[in-house]
Amino acid sequence: MPKFEFSGLPTAVGSMPHIDPKEACSLVAKFLPEIPAWPQLPKRSFLENMYAQFSEGFPGVVMEGDRIYVDRAKDLEKPLEQLYACYLENEVEKYTISPDYAAGLHAFLETELSPFAVKGQVTGPISWGLSVTDQERRPVLYDDTLADALAKHLHLKAAWQEMKLKAISANTIIFVDEPYMASFGSAFVSISREQVVGLLEEVFSGISGLKGVHCCDNTDWSVLLSTSLDILNFDAYNYGYTLALYPDEVKAFVDRGGVIAWGIVPSDEQALKGETAKSLLDRLDEEIAALDRKGIPFHQVLSQCLLTPSCGLGSISEEGAAWALELLAGVSNELRQRYIKEG
């Protein structure tokens, strides 16, 4: 992977509560100038819901009001053949994300930015495949043909997005968002470790820059750390202690240059009101110290880390989102003053 010492630079998970894409982009540019992320705007339209947003062009996909599903009763043979042909020929331009589905992305591409790196995101195959069902409400993930097609579809969507973001910066980061990984291993989700890894790697193979996974809950981190991901993003505000339960896997990841993106700023509006940049940095210190006690050096983790909100900010108020990003920038500044400048 490309080696970057991010040293606690901030970036965002994705969603914002705004209706106006230019307002959302302006806020991102203000508080995250080094690594801005394009805003997903689920309150603007159902099409910007994280599952609908990347569904455009998937074989058999149907939108009915606020429901999205795949109609397997349709003849999917030809659409699937076209998908596989585009995949084999790397025809990413046929897998655009149109303005109706991502107004924030298109406004972001027109925003005046001069960043060190730029971040995008795509919904992961596990979460999309478990959330989106067929017409009989059976998750798409449990159909082997559709699950494989979905991973290739998201591979192409990620590649198209990255191609567009490279116009802003040569240094690109694409997160694969996997909230449903919190259900991995439960009685409610029947999917193997090998399936998870295989589907994620298929999406990763469409990303030439840094590739990450975001999971906003607890999960078996050893599964994600066994993939080729470069950045692990998680809810460190609520689950920061959990990484220390996997010291061998985390150490191997960090030693190969892996980046931990600590979601240390809460995405809950009530929790936000009670925090300051200093209180959040103190909390982060404790979590990194727990890794240090397991043999993963404190300053190594710091030099390679990013900071983010714990999850997307799309469900809170615009004022709350602005405060979350201001806090995030503040934690980054506090971290760099406390540690980086001291060497």
Protein backbone atom coordinates (compact mmCIF):
# COMPACT_ATOMS: atom_id res chain seq x y z
CA MET A 1 0.00 0.00 0.00
CA PRO A 2 1.14 3.62 -0.42
CA LYS A 3 2.71 4.81 2.84
CA PHE A 4 1.28 7.98 4.36
CA GLU A 5 1.85 9.33 7.85
CA PHE A 6 -1.57 10.87 8.37
CA SER A 7 -0.75 11.78 11.98
CA GLY A 8 -4.35 12.28 13.02
CA LEU A 9 -5.69 14.20 10.03
CA PRO A 10 -9.51 14.33 9.99
CA THR A 11 -11.94 13.11 7.35
CA ALA A 12 -15.63 12.17 7.28
CA VAL A 13 -17.59 8.94 7.03
CA GLY A 14 -20.01 10.21 4.39
CA SER A 15 -23.59 11.21 5.14
CA MET A 16 -24.65 14.74 6.04
CA PRO A 17 -28.12 16.04 7.03
CA HIS A 18 -28.29 18.80 4.44
CA ILE A 19 -30.72 19.19 1.56
CA ASP A 20 -28.52 21.69 -0.29
CA PRO A 21 -25.43 19.88 -1.63
CA LYS A 22 -23.41 23.10 -1.91
CA GLU A 23 -23.95 23.88 1.78
CA ALA A 24 -22.78 20.39 2.74
CA CYS A 25 -19.70 20.67 0.52
CA SER A 26 -18.88 24.09 1.97
CA LEU A 27 -18.94 22.68 5.50
CA VAL A 28 -16.70 19.77 4.52
CA ALA A 29 -14.24 22.10 2.79
CA LYS A 30 -14.13 24.38 5.85
CA PHE A 31 -13.40 21.76 8.49
CA LEU A 32 -11.72 18.98 6.47
CA PRO A 33 -9.47 20.83 4.00
CA GLU A 34 -6.69 18.20 3.98
CA ILE A 35 -8.91 15.16 3.31
CA PRO A 36 -12.42 16.25 2.33
CA ALA A 37 -15.08 13.60 1.70
CA TRP A 38 -18.05 14.03 -0.61
CA PRO A 39 -21.35 14.22 1.28
CA GLN A 40 -24.16 11.69 0.91
CA LEU A 41 -27.51 13.45 1.45
CA PRO A 42 -30.16 10.89 2.47
CA LYS A 43 -32.61 13.58 3.66
CA ARG A 44 -32.57 15.12 0.19
CA SER A 45 -33.91 12.05 -1.57
CA PHE A 46 -34.47 8.33 -1.01
CA LEU A 47 -32.15 7.84 -3.99
CA GLU A 48 -29.32 9.03 -1.71
CA ASN A 49 -30.07 6.36 0.87
CA MET A 50 -26.87 4.33 1.09
CA TYR A 51 -28.51 1.26 -0.46
CA ALA A 52 -30.37 3.06 -3.25
CA GLN A 53 -27.40 5.31 -4.05
CA PHE A 54 -25.25 2.60 -5.61
CA SER A 55 -28.08 0.48 -7.04
CA GLU A 56 -28.35 2.40 -10.31
CA GLY A 57 -27.86 -0.03 -13.18
CA PHE A 58 -27.93 -3.26 -11.14
CA PRO A 59 -29.75 -6.08 -12.99
CA GLY A 60 -33.41 -6.35 -12.04
CA VAL A 61 -33.36 -3.53 -9.49
CA VAL A 62 -36.76 -1.92 -8.77
CA MET A 63 -37.62 1.25 -6.84
CA GLU A 64 -41.13 1.48 -5.41
CA GLY A 65 -41.56 4.48 -3.15
CA ASP A 66 -39.09 3.99 -0.31
CA ARG A 67 -38.47 0.34 -1.13
CA ILE A 68 -35.67 -1.07 -3.24
CA TYR A 69 -35.57 -4.70 -4.33
CA VAL A 70 -34.34 -6.99 -7.10
CA ASP A 71 -37.06 -8.63 -9.16
CA ARG A 72 -35.76 -12.11 -9.93
CA ALA A 73 -38.93 -12.84 -11.88
CA LYS A 74 -37.52 -10.68 -14.66
CA ASP A 75 -35.22 -12.14 -17.29
CA LEU A 76 -31.85 -11.18 -15.81
CA GLU A 77 -29.67 -13.17 -18.21
CA LYS A 78 -28.88 -10.33 -20.62
CA PRO A 79 -28.37 -7.62 -17.95
CA LEU A 80 -26.03 -9.96 -16.06
CA GLU A 81 -24.09 -10.68 -19.26
CA GLN A 82 -23.71 -6.93 -19.84
CA LEU A 83 -22.48 -6.42 -16.28
CA TYR A 84 -19.86 -9.16 -16.60
CA ALA A 85 -18.76 -7.84 -20.00
CA CYS A 86 -18.25 -4.34 -18.58
CA TYR A 87 -16.38 -5.83 -15.64
CA LEU A 88 -14.04 -7.85 -17.85
CA GLU A 89 -13.41 -4.88 -20.16
CA ASN A 90 -13.16 -2.43 -17.22
CA GLU A 91 -15.80 -0.18 -18.80
CA VAL A 92 -16.27 1.89 -15.66
CA GLU A 93 -17.81 4.83 -17.53
CA LYS A 94 -20.99 2.74 -17.91
CA TYR A 95 -21.34 2.59 -14.12
CA THR A 96 -21.71 6.27 -13.34
CA ILE A 97 -23.38 7.58 -10.20
CA SER A 98 -25.76 10.18 -11.60
CA PRO A 99 -26.65 13.53 -9.97
CA ASP A 100 -30.11 12.25 -9.00
CA TYR A 101 -28.45 9.58 -6.87
CA ALA A 102 -25.52 11.64 -5.55
CA ALA A 103 -26.03 15.38 -5.74
CA GLY A 104 -23.37 15.78 -3.06
CA LEU A 105 -20.76 13.99 -5.15
CA HIS A 106 -21.42 16.12 -8.23
CA ALA A 107 -21.40 19.36 -6.21
CA PHE A 108 -18.18 18.19 -4.55
CA LEU A 109 -16.51 17.65 -7.92
CA GLU A 110 -17.24 21.33 -8.72
CA THR A 111 -16.05 22.66 -5.34
CA GLU A 112 -12.75 24.54 -5.23
CA LEU A 113 -10.44 22.31 -3.21
CA SER A 114 -6.67 21.85 -2.83
CA PRO A 115 -6.42 18.82 -0.55
CA PHE A 116 -3.63 16.42 0.30
CA ALA A 117 -6.01 13.53 -0.39
CA VAL A 118 -9.68 13.08 -1.21
CA LYS A 119 -12.15 10.52 0.16
CA GLY A 120 -15.17 8.76 -1.26
CA GLN A 121 -17.30 5.83 -0.19
CA VAL A 122 -19.40 3.01 -1.53
CA THR A 123 -21.85 0.72 0.25
CA GLY A 124 -20.29 -2.67 0.91
CA PRO A 125 -21.49 -5.94 -0.63
CA ILE A 126 -22.37 -7.54 2.71
CA SER A 127 -24.57 -4.67 3.87
CA TRP A 128 -26.14 -4.05 0.44
CA GLY A 129 -26.71 -7.76 -0.07
CA LEU A 130 -28.39 -8.23 3.31
CA SER A 131 -30.46 -5.05 3.20
CA VAL A 132 -31.72 -5.37 -0.38
CA THR A 133 -33.97 -8.37 -1.04
CA ASP A 134 -35.62 -9.98 -4.00
CA GLN A 135 -39.35 -9.66 -4.66
CA GLU A 136 -40.02 -12.39 -2.08
CA ARG A 137 -37.98 -10.50 0.56
CA ARG A 138 -35.05 -12.92 0.50
CA PRO A 139 -31.72 -11.06 0.86
CA VAL A 140 -29.79 -10.80 -2.39
CA LEU A 141 -26.67 -12.01 -0.58
CA TYR A 142 -28.15 -15.50 -0.29
CA ASP A 143 -28.34 -15.88 -4.07
CA ASP A 144 -24.82 -16.83 -5.18
CA THR A 145 -25.24 -15.45 -8.70
CA LEU A 146 -26.61 -12.11 -7.55
CA ALA A 147 -24.08 -11.81 -4.73
CA ASP A 148 -21.19 -12.26 -7.16
CA ALA A 149 -22.78 -9.81 -9.61
CA LEU A 150 -23.29 -7.31 -6.80
CA ALA A 151 -19.61 -7.37 -5.82
CA LYS A 152 -18.62 -6.74 -9.45
CA HIS A 153 -21.23 -3.98 -9.75
CA LEU A 154 -19.82 -2.22 -6.66
CA HIS A 155 -16.28 -2.79 -7.99
CA LEU A 156 -17.26 -0.78 -11.08
CA LYS A 157 -19.06 1.92 -9.06
CA ALA A 158 -16.00 2.37 -6.84
CA ALA A 159 -13.67 2.52 -9.85
CA TRP A 160 -15.82 5.15 -11.61
CA GLN A 161 -16.00 7.24 -8.44
CA GLU A 162 -12.25 7.03 -7.88
CA MET A 163 -11.61 8.07 -11.48
CA LYS A 164 -13.66 11.23 -10.88
CA LEU A 165 -12.04 12.01 -7.52
CA LYS A 166 -8.56 11.81 -9.03
CA ALA A 167 -9.34 15.10 -10.77
CA ILE A 168 -9.22 16.66 -7.29
CA SER A 169 -6.21 14.78 -5.88
CA ALA A 170 -3.95 11.98 -7.02
CA ASN A 171 -4.22 10.57 -3.49
CA THR A 172 -7.58 8.84 -3.22
CA ILE A 173 -9.27 7.00 -0.37
CA ILE A 174 -12.40 4.92 -0.90
CA PHE A 175 -14.21 3.46 2.10
CA VAL A 176 -16.43 0.41 1.71
CA ASP A 177 -19.21 0.97 4.25
CA GLU A 178 -20.25 -2.21 6.06
CA PRO A 179 -22.63 -1.53 8.97
CA TYR A 180 -24.06 -5.04 8.66
CA MET A 181 -20.72 -6.55 9.67
CA ALA A 182 -21.99 -5.97 13.21
CA SER A 183 -24.31 -8.95 12.59
CA PHE A 184 -21.54 -11.25 11.37
CA GLY A 185 -21.48 -14.46 13.39
CA SER A 186 -24.99 -13.97 14.79
CA ALA A 187 -27.84 -16.44 14.40
CA PHE A 188 -29.59 -13.94 12.12
CA VAL A 189 -26.91 -13.83 9.41
CA SER A 190 -25.79 -16.91 7.54
CA ILE A 191 -22.55 -15.99 5.80
CA SER A 192 -19.08 -17.44 6.15
CA ARG A 193 -15.79 -15.70 6.81
CA GLU A 194 -14.61 -16.80 3.36
CA GLN A 195 -17.65 -15.19 1.68
CA VAL A 196 -17.10 -11.91 3.49
CA VAL A 197 -13.44 -11.77 2.53
CA GLY A 198 -14.06 -12.84 -1.07
CA LEU A 199 -16.81 -10.28 -1.69
CA LEU A 200 -14.84 -7.45 -0.10
CA GLU A 201 -11.72 -8.31 -2.08
CA GLU A 202 -13.75 -8.17 -5.28
CA VAL A 203 -14.81 -4.60 -4.50
CA PHE A 204 -11.28 -3.68 -3.35
CA SER A 205 -9.88 -4.83 -6.68
CA GLY A 206 -11.65 -1.90 -8.34
CA ILE A 207 -9.79 0.61 -6.13
CA SER A 208 -6.26 1.66 -7.09
CA GLY A 209 -5.70 4.10 -4.21
CA LEU A 210 -6.16 3.50 -0.50
CA LYS A 211 -9.09 1.26 0.33
CA GLY A 212 -10.83 1.17 3.68
CA VAL A 213 -13.75 -0.40 5.49
CA HIS A 214 -16.10 1.49 7.79
CA CYS A 215 -18.09 -0.44 10.40
CA CYS A 216 -20.04 1.63 12.91
CA ASP A 217 -20.55 -1.13 15.48
CA ASN A 218 -18.63 -3.97 17.07
CA THR A 219 -17.64 -6.96 14.94
CA ASP A 220 -15.02 -9.67 14.61
CA TRP A 221 -12.19 -7.35 13.58
CA SER A 222 -9.97 -10.28 12.64
CA VAL A 223 -12.15 -10.89 9.57
CA LEU A 224 -11.71 -7.37 8.18
CA LEU A 225 -8.03 -7.27 9.15
CA SER A 226 -7.42 -10.47 7.18
CA THR A 227 -8.32 -8.68 3.94
CA SER A 228 -6.06 -6.38 1.91
CA LEU A 229 -7.65 -3.20 3.29
CA ASP A 230 -5.40 -0.21 3.99
CA ILE A 231 -7.64 1.65 6.45
CA LEU A 232 -9.92 0.31 9.19
CA ASN A 233 -12.54 2.86 10.29
CA PHE A 234 -14.69 2.09 13.32
CA ASP A 235 -16.78 3.66 16.07
CA ALA A 236 -14.01 4.35 18.56
CA TYR A 237 -16.30 6.52 20.71
CA ASN A 238 -18.41 3.52 21.74
CA TYR A 239 -16.22 0.53 20.87
CA GLY A 240 -12.65 1.79 21.11
CA TYR A 241 -11.71 -0.93 23.58
CA THR A 242 -12.57 -3.73 21.15
CA LEU A 243 -9.47 -3.47 18.95
CA ALA A 244 -7.24 -4.43 21.87
CA LEU A 245 -9.02 -7.80 21.90
CA TYR A 246 -7.22 -8.63 18.61
CA PRO A 247 -3.61 -7.62 19.34
CA ASP A 248 -1.90 -9.99 16.90
CA GLU A 249 -4.10 -9.02 13.97
CA VAL A 250 -3.92 -5.29 14.75
CA LYS A 251 -0.13 -5.40 15.13
CA ALA A 252 0.30 -7.22 11.82
CA PHE A 253 -1.99 -4.67 10.15
CA VAL A 254 -0.17 -1.65 11.58
CA ASP A 255 3.26 -3.16 10.86
CA ARG A 256 2.39 -3.50 7.16
CA GLY A 257 1.46 0.19 7.08
CA GLY A 258 -2.23 -0.15 7.90
CA VAL A 259 -4.10 2.93 9.09
CA ILE A 260 -6.65 2.97 11.91
CA ALA A 261 -9.28 5.67 11.37
CA TRP A 262 -10.62 6.31 14.85
CA GLY A 263 -14.28 7.36 14.87
CA ILE A 264 -13.77 9.29 18.08
CA VAL A 265 -16.38 12.06 17.60
CA PRO A 266 -19.89 10.81 18.42
CA SER A 267 -22.58 11.02 15.77
CA ASP A 268 -25.29 11.20 18.43
CA GLU A 269 -26.49 14.75 19.05
CA GLN A 270 -26.89 14.39 22.82
CA ALA A 271 -23.43 12.88 23.23
CA LEU A 272 -21.94 15.68 21.13
CA LYS A 273 -23.22 18.32 23.55
CA GLY A 274 -21.18 16.90 26.40
CA GLU A 275 -17.82 16.66 24.65
CA THR A 276 -14.88 18.94 23.92
CA ALA A 277 -11.84 18.40 21.73
CA LYS A 278 -9.76 17.77 24.87
CA SER A 279 -12.20 15.25 26.37
CA LEU A 280 -12.30 13.32 23.12
CA LEU A 281 -8.53 13.31 22.76
CA ASP A 282 -8.20 12.06 26.35
CA ARG A 283 -10.61 9.25 25.46
CA LEU A 284 -8.59 8.42 22.35
CA ASP A 285 -5.36 8.42 24.36
CA GLU A 286 -6.75 5.69 26.60
CA GLU A 287 -7.78 3.55 23.63
CA ILE A 288 -4.41 3.83 21.90
CA ALA A 289 -2.65 3.17 25.22
CA ALA A 290 -4.58 -0.11 25.44
CA LEU A 291 -2.99 -1.15 22.15
CA ASP A 292 0.42 0.04 23.37
CA ARG A 293 0.10 -2.29 26.38
CA LYS A 294 -0.45 -5.15 23.90
CA GLY A 295 2.83 -4.39 22.09
CA ILE A 296 1.56 -2.00 19.41
CA PRO A 297 3.62 1.20 19.90
CA PHE A 298 1.62 4.32 20.78
CA HIS A 299 3.51 6.64 18.45
CA GLN A 300 3.34 4.17 15.56
CA VAL A 301 -0.45 4.09 15.82
CA LEU A 302 -0.55 7.90 16.11
CA SER A 303 1.63 8.51 13.08
CA GLN A 304 -0.51 6.24 10.91
CA CYS A 305 -3.96 7.22 12.21
CA LEU A 306 -6.88 9.20 10.82
CA LEU A 307 -9.77 10.69 12.80
CA THR A 308 -13.45 10.60 11.83
CA PRO A 309 -16.91 10.86 13.35
CA SER A 310 -18.11 7.54 14.77
CA CYS A 311 -20.57 7.17 11.89
CA GLY A 312 -22.29 9.24 9.24
CA LEU A 313 -23.92 12.50 10.35
CA GLY A 314 -26.99 12.24 8.14
CA SER A 315 -29.44 11.51 10.97
CA ILE A 316 -28.68 14.57 13.13
CA SER A 317 -29.40 18.28 12.64
CA GLU A 318 -27.35 20.55 10.40
CA GLU A 319 -26.18 22.42 13.50
CA GLY A 320 -25.16 19.13 15.12
CA ALA A 321 -23.25 18.06 12.03
CA ALA A 322 -21.38 21.38 11.95
CA TRP A 323 -20.45 21.00 15.60
CA ALA A 324 -19.31 17.39 15.01
CA LEU A 325 -16.97 18.48 12.21
CA GLU A 326 -15.70 21.43 14.25
CA LEU A 327 -15.00 19.05 17.16
CA LEU A 328 -13.30 16.63 14.78
CA ALA A 329 -10.98 19.35 13.47
CA GLY A 330 -10.34 20.39 17.06
CA VAL A 331 -9.36 16.89 18.18
CA SER A 332 -6.96 16.66 15.25
CA ASN A 333 -5.36 19.98 16.16
CA GLU A 334 -5.10 18.99 19.84
CA LEU A 335 -3.50 15.67 18.90
CA ARG A 336 -0.92 17.27 16.68
CA GLN A 337 -0.07 19.91 19.30
CA ARG A 338 0.16 17.36 22.08
CA TYR A 339 2.25 14.75 20.27
CA ILE A 340 3.38 15.50 16.75
CA LYS A 341 5.08 18.83 17.41
CA GLU A 342 6.75 17.38 20.49
CA GLY A 343 8.19 14.58 18.35
